C-alpha atoms as a PDB file:
ATOM      1  CA  UNK A   1     -20.624  -7.417  27.658  1.00  0.00           C
ATOM      2  CA  UNK A   2     -19.620  -3.782  27.308  1.00  0.00           C
ATOM      3  CA  UNK A   3     -15.969  -2.838  27.482  1.00  0.00           C
ATOM      4  CA  UNK A   4     -14.755   0.729  27.823  1.00  0.00           C
ATOM      5  CA  UNK A   5     -12.470   1.807  24.959  1.00  0.00           C
ATOM      6  CA  UNK A   6      -8.810   1.736  25.860  1.00  0.00           C
ATOM      7  CA  UNK A   7      -6.536   3.749  23.561  1.00  0.00           C
ATOM      8  CA  UNK A   8      -3.572   1.443  24.175  1.00  0.00           C
ATOM      9  CA  UNK A   9      -5.358  -1.811  23.358  1.00  0.00           C
ATOM     10  CA  UNK A  10      -6.142  -3.042  19.866  1.00  0.00           C
ATOM     11  CA  UNK A  11      -9.657  -4.341  19.252  1.00  0.00           C
ATOM     12  CA  UNK A  12     -10.161  -7.998  20.098  1.00  0.00           C
ATOM     13  CA  UNK A  13     -12.612 -10.638  18.932  1.00  0.00           C
ATOM     14  CA  UNK A  14     -14.625 -10.450  22.170  1.00  0.00           C
ATOM     15  CA  UNK A  15     -15.418  -6.724  21.727  1.00  0.00           C
ATOM     16  CA  UNK A  16     -18.646  -5.699  20.042  1.00  0.00           C
ATOM     17  CA  UNK A  17     -18.211  -3.734  16.817  1.00  0.00           C
ATOM     18  CA  UNK A  18     -19.043  -0.290  18.251  1.00  0.00           C
ATOM     19  CA  UNK A  19     -16.574  -0.761  21.113  1.00  0.00           C
ATOM     20  CA  UNK A  20     -13.914  -1.942  18.672  1.00  0.00           C
ATOM     21  CA  UNK A  21     -14.450   1.117  16.459  1.00  0.00           C
ATOM     22  CA  UNK A  22     -14.322   3.464  19.466  1.00  0.00           C
ATOM     23  CA  UNK A  23     -11.105   1.800  20.588  1.00  0.00           C
ATOM     24  CA  UNK A  24      -9.607   2.250  17.121  1.00  0.00           C
ATOM     25  CA  UNK A  25     -10.586   5.926  16.944  1.00  0.00           C
ATOM     26  CA  UNK A  26      -8.910   6.510  20.285  1.00  0.00           C
ATOM     27  CA  UNK A  27      -5.806   4.626  19.189  1.00  0.00           C
ATOM     28  CA  UNK A  28      -5.191   6.628  16.000  1.00  0.00           C
ATOM     29  CA  UNK A  29      -2.023   8.068  17.502  1.00  0.00           C
ATOM     30  CA  UNK A  30       0.920   7.470  15.156  1.00  0.00           C
ATOM     31  CA  UNK A  31       3.298   7.490  18.119  1.00  0.00           C
ATOM     32  CA  UNK A  32       1.645   4.459  19.700  1.00  0.00           C
ATOM     33  CA  UNK A  33       0.184   2.766  16.587  1.00  0.00           C
ATOM     34  CA  UNK A  34       2.399   3.525  13.579  1.00  0.00           C
ATOM     35  CA  UNK A  35       0.315   1.295  11.304  1.00  0.00           C
ATOM     36  CA  UNK A  36      -3.105  -0.335  11.211  1.00  0.00           C
ATOM     37  CA  UNK A  37      -4.159  -3.559   9.579  1.00  0.00           C
ATOM     38  CA  UNK A  38      -6.496  -3.337   6.607  1.00  0.00           C
ATOM     39  CA  UNK A  39      -9.246  -4.884   8.763  1.00  0.00           C
ATOM     40  CA  UNK A  40      -8.790  -2.171  11.417  1.00  0.00           C
ATOM     41  CA  UNK A  41      -8.783   0.499   8.712  1.00  0.00           C
ATOM     42  CA  UNK A  42     -12.014  -0.899   7.284  1.00  0.00           C
ATOM     43  CA  UNK A  43     -13.643  -0.589  10.732  1.00  0.00           C
ATOM     44  CA  UNK A  44     -12.463   3.008  11.127  1.00  0.00           C
ATOM     45  CA  UNK A  45     -13.729   3.956   7.667  1.00  0.00           C
ATOM     46  CA  UNK A  46     -16.964   2.011   7.990  1.00  0.00           C
ATOM     47  CA  UNK A  47     -16.329  -0.018   4.843  1.00  0.00           C
ATOM     48  CA  UNK A  48     -15.895  -3.699   4.127  1.00  0.00           C
ATOM     49  CA  UNK A  49     -12.618  -5.559   4.224  1.00  0.00           C
ATOM     50  CA  UNK A  50     -12.598  -6.166   0.457  1.00  0.00           C
ATOM     51  CA  UNK A  51     -13.267  -2.466  -0.227  1.00  0.00           C
ATOM     52  CA  UNK A  52     -10.398  -1.498   2.082  1.00  0.00           C
ATOM     53  CA  UNK A  53      -7.992  -3.837   0.276  1.00  0.00           C
ATOM     54  CA  UNK A  54      -9.191  -2.519  -3.085  1.00  0.00           C
ATOM     55  CA  UNK A  55      -8.773   1.084  -1.892  1.00  0.00           C
ATOM     56  CA  UNK A  56      -5.234   0.303  -0.781  1.00  0.00           C
ATOM     57  CA  UNK A  57      -4.448  -1.373  -4.092  1.00  0.00           C
ATOM     58  CA  UNK A  58      -5.806   1.605  -6.060  1.00  0.00           C
ATOM     59  CA  UNK A  59      -4.020   4.168  -3.901  1.00  0.00           C
ATOM     60  CA  UNK A  60      -7.268   5.607  -2.519  1.00  0.00           C
ATOM     61  CA  UNK A  61      -6.266   4.531   0.994  1.00  0.00           C
ATOM     62  CA  UNK A  62      -2.637   5.223   1.956  1.00  0.00           C
ATOM     63  CA  UNK A  63      -0.862   1.908   2.387  1.00  0.00           C
ATOM     64  CA  UNK A  64       2.498   0.201   2.384  1.00  0.00           C
ATOM     65  CA  UNK A  65       3.181  -3.332   1.297  1.00  0.00           C
ATOM     66  CA  UNK A  66       5.674  -5.466   3.201  1.00  0.00           C
ATOM     67  CA  UNK A  67       5.930  -8.706   1.268  1.00  0.00           C
ATOM     68  CA  UNK A  68       2.322  -9.900   1.081  1.00  0.00           C
ATOM     69  CA  UNK A  69       1.267  -7.817   4.095  1.00  0.00           C
ATOM     70  CA  UNK A  70      -0.623  -4.572   3.466  1.00  0.00           C
ATOM     71  CA  UNK A  71      -0.492  -2.020   6.294  1.00  0.00           C
ATOM     72  CA  UNK A  72      -1.979   1.472   6.566  1.00  0.00           C
ATOM     73  CA  UNK A  73       0.231   4.182   8.118  1.00  0.00           C
ATOM     74  CA  UNK A  74      -1.775   5.775  10.918  1.00  0.00           C
ATOM     75  CA  UNK A  75      -0.406   9.285  10.303  1.00  0.00           C
ATOM     76  CA  UNK A  76      -1.388   9.159   6.618  1.00  0.00           C
ATOM     77  CA  UNK A  77      -4.868   7.844   7.475  1.00  0.00           C
ATOM     78  CA  UNK A  78      -5.418  10.628  10.035  1.00  0.00           C
ATOM     79  CA  UNK A  79      -4.298  13.221   7.438  1.00  0.00           C
ATOM     80  CA  UNK A  80      -6.655  11.717   4.876  1.00  0.00           C
ATOM     81  CA  UNK A  81      -9.591  11.777   7.300  1.00  0.00           C
ATOM     82  CA  UNK A  82      -8.875  15.372   8.315  1.00  0.00           C
ATOM     83  CA  UNK A  83      -8.833  16.483   4.672  1.00  0.00           C
ATOM     84  CA  UNK A  84      -5.112  17.262   4.672  1.00  0.00           C
ATOM     85  CA  UNK A  85      -4.052  14.352   2.479  1.00  0.00           C
END
């Protein structure tokens, strides 16, 4: 089943990986998605979940901690990916 990427919809479990990644790339608008989960960030960066958590812990991936929850600010991730970190 192929689903067209929708910039306003977060990836879901029924999407294939490439569609989920395309959807995430299109939704990297800080105005509509102020933060991403670590799992979503891992998909965007093409790395594993554990590596994304480790990168957040080390400060290599911009992140904020809210209690036990680790979130990645979309604006900071876009700056990092564009080389303007």
